[in-house]
C-alpha cells in the first residue's frame, strides 16, 4: 500500500479515499449497504421505501470532520466499497457501515477499507477502534478477526449488536 491508500491486488487496484457520504457514489454505497444488511436480517429483499426509511433511521451525519470520516473504495475506478469511522470519546473510535459490494468481495477491498479507516481513526486521535456486528454477518466477523480485531464484552446496547470487537491503534 502506498501513502495514497492504493492497494494493488491480483484482481486490480483498490484506492480508498475520504469522500462526503452525500456524493452520488457515497449515497449509492450506503443504500446498497442498508439493502444488504436489512435484507439478510429480514431474510428477504427490501423495498426502496424501506431503504429510504433505514437511511432516515440511521443517518450518517456523525461521519464528518472533525469527529468522523467516511471513505469510498474504488476498484479500478469503480466505487464498490465504503465505510465510516466516528469518535465515541477522545481515544475510542467506532467503525460503521463497512461494506464491500458482492462483486468485489475477495479482492482485498475489505482490508483496504480497514487500513484507511484505521488511519483515519489515528488522525482523529483514537487509540483504539471498536465495532459491533451481527451473527449473520459472518464475512464481516471473519474480516475483522483476520485483521487483529478481538471480541470484547458489549460496549453498547444497539438493537442489532450481537458481537463486539476492538483493536488497538497505537
C-alpha atoms as a PDB file:
ATOM      1  CA  UNK A   1       0.000   0.000   0.000  1.00  0.00           C
ATOM      2  CA  UNK A   2       1.358   3.445  -0.802  1.00  0.00           C
ATOM      3  CA  UNK A   3       0.633   6.678   1.003  1.00  0.00           C
ATOM      4  CA  UNK A   4      -2.467   7.302  -1.131  1.00  0.00           C
ATOM      5  CA  UNK A   5      -4.148   4.128   0.181  1.00  0.00           C
ATOM      6  CA  UNK A   6      -3.739   2.322  -3.141  1.00  0.00           C
ATOM      7  CA  UNK A   7      -3.788  -1.451  -2.803  1.00  0.00           C
ATOM      8  CA  UNK A   8      -2.721  -3.455  -5.827  1.00  0.00           C
ATOM      9  CA  UNK A   9      -4.103  -6.992  -5.851  1.00  0.00           C
ATOM     10  CA  UNK A  10      -4.222  -9.781  -8.386  1.00  0.00           C
ATOM     11  CA  UNK A  11      -7.670  -8.564  -9.368  1.00  0.00           C
ATOM     12  CA  UNK A  12      -6.977  -4.843  -9.751  1.00  0.00           C
ATOM     13  CA  UNK A  13      -6.116  -1.737  -7.767  1.00  0.00           C
ATOM     14  CA  UNK A  14      -8.130  -0.532  -4.788  1.00  0.00           C
ATOM     15  CA  UNK A  15      -7.999   3.179  -3.977  1.00  0.00           C
ATOM     16  CA  UNK A  16      -9.701   4.224  -0.750  1.00  0.00           C
ATOM     17  CA  UNK A  17     -10.133   7.916  -0.020  1.00  0.00           C
ATOM     18  CA  UNK A  18     -12.243  10.200   2.156  1.00  0.00           C
ATOM     19  CA  UNK A  19     -15.376  11.388   0.422  1.00  0.00           C
ATOM     20  CA  UNK A  20     -18.546  13.058   1.677  1.00  0.00           C
ATOM     21  CA  UNK A  21     -21.241  10.466   2.336  1.00  0.00           C
ATOM     22  CA  UNK A  22     -23.633  12.642   0.328  1.00  0.00           C
ATOM     23  CA  UNK A  23     -21.895  12.196  -3.041  1.00  0.00           C
ATOM     24  CA  UNK A  24     -23.742  10.034  -5.587  1.00  0.00           C
ATOM     25  CA  UNK A  25     -21.266   7.177  -5.035  1.00  0.00           C
ATOM     26  CA  UNK A  26     -21.349   7.560  -1.244  1.00  0.00           C
ATOM     27  CA  UNK A  27     -25.141   7.572  -1.226  1.00  0.00           C
ATOM     28  CA  UNK A  28     -25.417   4.587  -3.587  1.00  0.00           C
ATOM     29  CA  UNK A  29     -22.985   2.566  -1.468  1.00  0.00           C
ATOM     30  CA  UNK A  30     -24.772   3.424   1.781  1.00  0.00           C
ATOM     31  CA  UNK A  31     -28.077   2.373   0.178  1.00  0.00           C
ATOM     32  CA  UNK A  32     -26.517  -0.901  -1.015  1.00  0.00           C
ATOM     33  CA  UNK A  33     -25.125  -1.489   2.490  1.00  0.00           C
ATOM     34  CA  UNK A  34     -28.519  -0.947   4.073  1.00  0.00           C
ATOM     35  CA  UNK A  35     -30.273  -3.122   1.473  1.00  0.00           C
ATOM     36  CA  UNK A  36     -27.900  -5.978   2.189  1.00  0.00           C
ATOM     37  CA  UNK A  37     -27.860  -5.841   5.983  1.00  0.00           C
ATOM     38  CA  UNK A  38     -31.620  -5.319   6.231  1.00  0.00           C
ATOM     39  CA  UNK A  39     -32.325  -7.985   3.616  1.00  0.00           C
ATOM     40  CA  UNK A  40     -30.170 -10.510   5.415  1.00  0.00           C
ATOM     41  CA  UNK A  41     -31.800  -9.645   8.731  1.00  0.00           C
ATOM     42  CA  UNK A  42     -35.346  -9.878   7.350  1.00  0.00           C
ATOM     43  CA  UNK A  43     -34.414 -12.796   5.032  1.00  0.00           C
ATOM     44  CA  UNK A  44     -35.986 -11.105   2.014  1.00  0.00           C
ATOM     45  CA  UNK A  45     -35.379  -8.339  -0.480  1.00  0.00           C
ATOM     46  CA  UNK A  46     -36.032  -4.872   0.860  1.00  0.00           C
ATOM     47  CA  UNK A  47     -38.063  -2.209  -0.904  1.00  0.00           C
ATOM     48  CA  UNK A  48     -36.791   1.206  -1.913  1.00  0.00           C
ATOM     49  CA  UNK A  49     -39.157   2.699   0.687  1.00  0.00           C
ATOM     50  CA  UNK A  50     -37.590   0.502   3.390  1.00  0.00           C
ATOM     51  CA  UNK A  51     -34.121   1.606   2.304  1.00  0.00           C
ATOM     52  CA  UNK A  52     -35.273   5.243   2.415  1.00  0.00           C
ATOM     53  CA  UNK A  53     -36.588   4.729   5.946  1.00  0.00           C
ATOM     54  CA  UNK A  54     -33.403   2.982   7.035  1.00  0.00           C
ATOM     55  CA  UNK A  55     -31.347   5.883   5.745  1.00  0.00           C
ATOM     56  CA  UNK A  56     -33.502   8.234   7.833  1.00  0.00           C
ATOM     57  CA  UNK A  57     -33.403   5.998  10.925  1.00  0.00           C
ATOM     58  CA  UNK A  58     -29.613   5.581  10.746  1.00  0.00           C
ATOM     59  CA  UNK A  59     -28.213   8.845   9.346  1.00  0.00           C
ATOM     60  CA  UNK A  60     -24.519   9.275   8.638  1.00  0.00           C
ATOM     61  CA  UNK A  61     -24.298  12.836   9.976  1.00  0.00           C
ATOM     62  CA  UNK A  62     -21.625  11.868  12.521  1.00  0.00           C
ATOM     63  CA  UNK A  63     -19.221  10.722   9.792  1.00  0.00           C
ATOM     64  CA  UNK A  64     -17.956  14.258   9.188  1.00  0.00           C
ATOM     65  CA  UNK A  65     -14.817  16.036  10.362  1.00  0.00           C
ATOM     66  CA  UNK A  66     -13.768  16.882  12.987  1.00  0.00           C
ATOM     67  CA  UNK A  67     -15.091  13.765  14.784  1.00  0.00           C
ATOM     68  CA  UNK A  68     -15.703  11.338  11.938  1.00  0.00           C
ATOM     69  CA  UNK A  69     -14.827  10.335   8.389  1.00  0.00           C
ATOM     70  CA  UNK A  70     -16.454   8.468   5.522  1.00  0.00           C
ATOM     71  CA  UNK A  71     -14.393   6.729   2.848  1.00  0.00           C
ATOM     72  CA  UNK A  72     -15.173   5.239  -0.546  1.00  0.00           C
ATOM     73  CA  UNK A  73     -13.196   2.387  -2.029  1.00  0.00           C
ATOM     74  CA  UNK A  74     -12.788   2.103  -5.762  1.00  0.00           C
ATOM     75  CA  UNK A  75     -11.580  -0.992  -7.566  1.00  0.00           C
ATOM     76  CA  UNK A  76     -10.033   0.130 -10.841  1.00  0.00           C
ATOM     77  CA  UNK A  77     -12.090   3.306 -10.609  1.00  0.00           C
ATOM     78  CA  UNK A  78     -15.457   1.689  -9.783  1.00  0.00           C
ATOM     79  CA  UNK A  79     -16.987   2.666  -6.424  1.00  0.00           C
ATOM     80  CA  UNK A  80     -17.543  -0.738  -4.788  1.00  0.00           C
ATOM     81  CA  UNK A  81     -16.873  -0.226  -1.065  1.00  0.00           C
ATOM     82  CA  UNK A  82     -17.419   2.234   1.752  1.00  0.00           C
ATOM     83  CA  UNK A  83     -17.052   2.674   5.461  1.00  0.00           C
ATOM     84  CA  UNK A  84     -17.235   5.200   8.231  1.00  0.00           C
ATOM     85  CA  UNK A  85     -15.487   5.932  11.490  1.00  0.00           C
ATOM     86  CA  UNK A  86     -16.570   8.211  14.321  1.00  0.00           C
ATOM     87  CA  UNK A  87     -15.227   9.108  17.729  1.00  0.00           C
ATOM     88  CA  UNK A  88     -17.117   7.665  20.689  1.00  0.00           C
ATOM     89  CA  UNK A  89     -14.810   9.511  23.104  1.00  0.00           C
ATOM     90  CA  UNK A  90     -11.417  11.238  22.693  1.00  0.00           C
ATOM     91  CA  UNK A  91      -9.490   7.932  22.455  1.00  0.00           C
ATOM     92  CA  UNK A  92     -12.089   5.473  21.116  1.00  0.00           C
ATOM     93  CA  UNK A  93     -13.334   5.367  17.546  1.00  0.00           C
ATOM     94  CA  UNK A  94     -16.069   3.156  16.108  1.00  0.00           C
ATOM     95  CA  UNK A  95     -16.338   1.621  12.656  1.00  0.00           C
ATOM     96  CA  UNK A  96     -19.711   1.709  10.940  1.00  0.00           C
ATOM     97  CA  UNK A  97     -21.228   0.987   7.532  1.00  0.00           C
ATOM     98  CA  UNK A  98     -18.280  -1.109   6.393  1.00  0.00           C
ATOM     99  CA  UNK A  99     -19.412  -2.553   3.066  1.00  0.00           C
ATOM    100  CA  UNK A 100     -17.887  -4.236   0.025  1.00  0.00           C
ATOM    101  CA  UNK A 101     -20.112  -4.934  -2.973  1.00  0.00           C
ATOM    102  CA  UNK A 102     -20.632  -8.676  -3.522  1.00  0.00           C
ATOM    103  CA  UNK A 103     -18.969  -8.440  -6.952  1.00  0.00           C
ATOM    104  CA  UNK A 104     -15.753  -7.227  -5.327  1.00  0.00           C
ATOM    105  CA  UNK A 105     -15.520  -9.494  -2.289  1.00  0.00           C
ATOM    106  CA  UNK A 106     -12.314 -11.473  -2.033  1.00  0.00           C
ATOM    107  CA  UNK A 107     -10.330  -8.831  -3.932  1.00  0.00           C
ATOM    108  CA  UNK A 108      -8.724  -7.039  -0.975  1.00  0.00           C
ATOM    109  CA  UNK A 109     -11.328  -4.288  -0.635  1.00  0.00           C
ATOM    110  CA  UNK A 110     -12.188  -5.090   2.977  1.00  0.00           C
ATOM    111  CA  UNK A 111      -8.542  -4.948   4.007  1.00  0.00           C
ATOM    112  CA  UNK A 112      -8.044  -1.691   2.092  1.00  0.00           C
ATOM    113  CA  UNK A 113     -11.102  -0.184   3.813  1.00  0.00           C
ATOM    114  CA  UNK A 114      -9.915  -1.224   7.267  1.00  0.00           C
ATOM    115  CA  UNK A 115      -6.454   0.247   6.661  1.00  0.00           C
ATOM    116  CA  UNK A 116      -7.911   3.572   5.510  1.00  0.00           C
ATOM    117  CA  UNK A 117     -10.432   3.699   8.354  1.00  0.00           C
ATOM    118  CA  UNK A 118      -7.816   2.832  10.987  1.00  0.00           C
ATOM    119  CA  UNK A 119      -5.549   5.568   9.567  1.00  0.00           C
ATOM    120  CA  UNK A 120      -8.488   7.994   9.789  1.00  0.00           C
ATOM    121  CA  UNK A 121      -9.074   6.924  13.385  1.00  0.00           C
ATOM    122  CA  UNK A 122      -5.462   7.664  14.280  1.00  0.00           C
ATOM    123  CA  UNK A 123      -5.764  11.068  12.592  1.00  0.00           C
ATOM    124  CA  UNK A 124      -8.812  11.729  14.790  1.00  0.00           C
ATOM    125  CA  UNK A 125      -6.679  10.934  17.859  1.00  0.00           C
ATOM    126  CA  UNK A 126      -8.121   7.497  18.594  1.00  0.00           C
ATOM    127  CA  UNK A 127      -6.006   4.934  20.413  1.00  0.00           C
ATOM    128  CA  UNK A 128      -8.412   2.058  19.774  1.00  0.00           C
ATOM    129  CA  UNK A 129     -11.221   1.230  17.415  1.00  0.00           C
ATOM    130  CA  UNK A 130     -14.391  -0.708  18.186  1.00  0.00           C
ATOM    131  CA  UNK A 131     -17.338  -2.030  16.253  1.00  0.00           C
ATOM    132  CA  UNK A 132     -20.443  -4.091  16.683  1.00  0.00           C
ATOM    133  CA  UNK A 133     -21.943  -6.529  14.226  1.00  0.00           C
ATOM    134  CA  UNK A 134     -24.485  -9.310  13.928  1.00  0.00           C
ATOM    135  CA  UNK A 135     -24.118 -13.087  13.990  1.00  0.00           C
ATOM    136  CA  UNK A 136     -25.394 -13.495  10.422  1.00  0.00           C
ATOM    137  CA  UNK A 137     -22.696 -11.193   9.011  1.00  0.00           C
ATOM    138  CA  UNK A 138     -20.145 -13.987   9.066  1.00  0.00           C
ATOM    139  CA  UNK A 139     -17.940 -12.488   6.337  1.00  0.00           C
ATOM    140  CA  UNK A 140     -17.590  -9.266   8.319  1.00  0.00           C
ATOM    141  CA  UNK A 141     -16.730 -11.091  11.520  1.00  0.00           C
ATOM    142  CA  UNK A 142     -14.089 -13.130   9.681  1.00  0.00           C
ATOM    143  CA  UNK A 143     -12.620  -9.978   8.119  1.00  0.00           C
ATOM    144  CA  UNK A 144     -12.284  -8.283  11.493  1.00  0.00           C
ATOM    145  CA  UNK A 145     -10.720 -11.339  13.117  1.00  0.00           C
ATOM    146  CA  UNK A 146      -8.180 -11.656  10.252  1.00  0.00           C
ATOM    147  CA  UNK A 147      -7.144  -8.049  10.786  1.00  0.00           C
ATOM    148  CA  UNK A 148      -6.463  -8.136  14.501  1.00  0.00           C
ATOM    149  CA  UNK A 149      -9.841  -7.312  15.994  1.00  0.00           C
ATOM    150  CA  UNK A 150     -10.647  -9.277  19.137  1.00  0.00           C
ATOM    151  CA  UNK A 151     -14.109  -9.934  20.522  1.00  0.00           C
ATOM    152  CA  UNK A 152     -14.846  -7.911  23.649  1.00  0.00           C
ATOM    153  CA  UNK A 153     -17.785  -7.591  26.041  1.00  0.00           C
ATOM    154  CA  UNK A 154     -20.687  -5.448  24.856  1.00  0.00           C
ATOM    155  CA  UNK A 155     -19.896  -1.734  24.897  1.00  0.00           C
ATOM    156  CA  UNK A 156     -23.315  -0.654  23.645  1.00  0.00           C
ATOM    157  CA  UNK A 157     -26.860  -1.934  23.543  1.00  0.00           C
ATOM    158  CA  UNK A 158     -27.610  -1.426  19.854  1.00  0.00           C
ATOM    159  CA  UNK A 159     -30.714  -3.271  18.673  1.00  0.00           C
ATOM    160  CA  UNK A 160     -28.743  -5.254  16.090  1.00  0.00           C
ATOM    161  CA  UNK A 161     -25.478  -5.687  18.010  1.00  0.00           C
ATOM    162  CA  UNK A 162     -24.616  -9.315  18.787  1.00  0.00           C
ATOM    163  CA  UNK A 163     -20.803  -9.271  18.620  1.00  0.00           C
ATOM    164  CA  UNK A 164     -18.413  -6.524  19.691  1.00  0.00           C
ATOM    165  CA  UNK A 165     -14.790  -6.144  18.558  1.00  0.00           C
ATOM    166  CA  UNK A 166     -11.845  -3.907  19.416  1.00  0.00           C
ATOM    167  CA  UNK A 167      -8.367  -3.300  18.047  1.00  0.00           C
ATOM    168  CA  UNK A 168      -5.604  -1.082  19.445  1.00  0.00           C
ATOM    169  CA  UNK A 169      -4.406   1.639  17.064  1.00  0.00           C
ATOM    170  CA  UNK A 170      -1.275   2.633  18.975  1.00  0.00           C
END
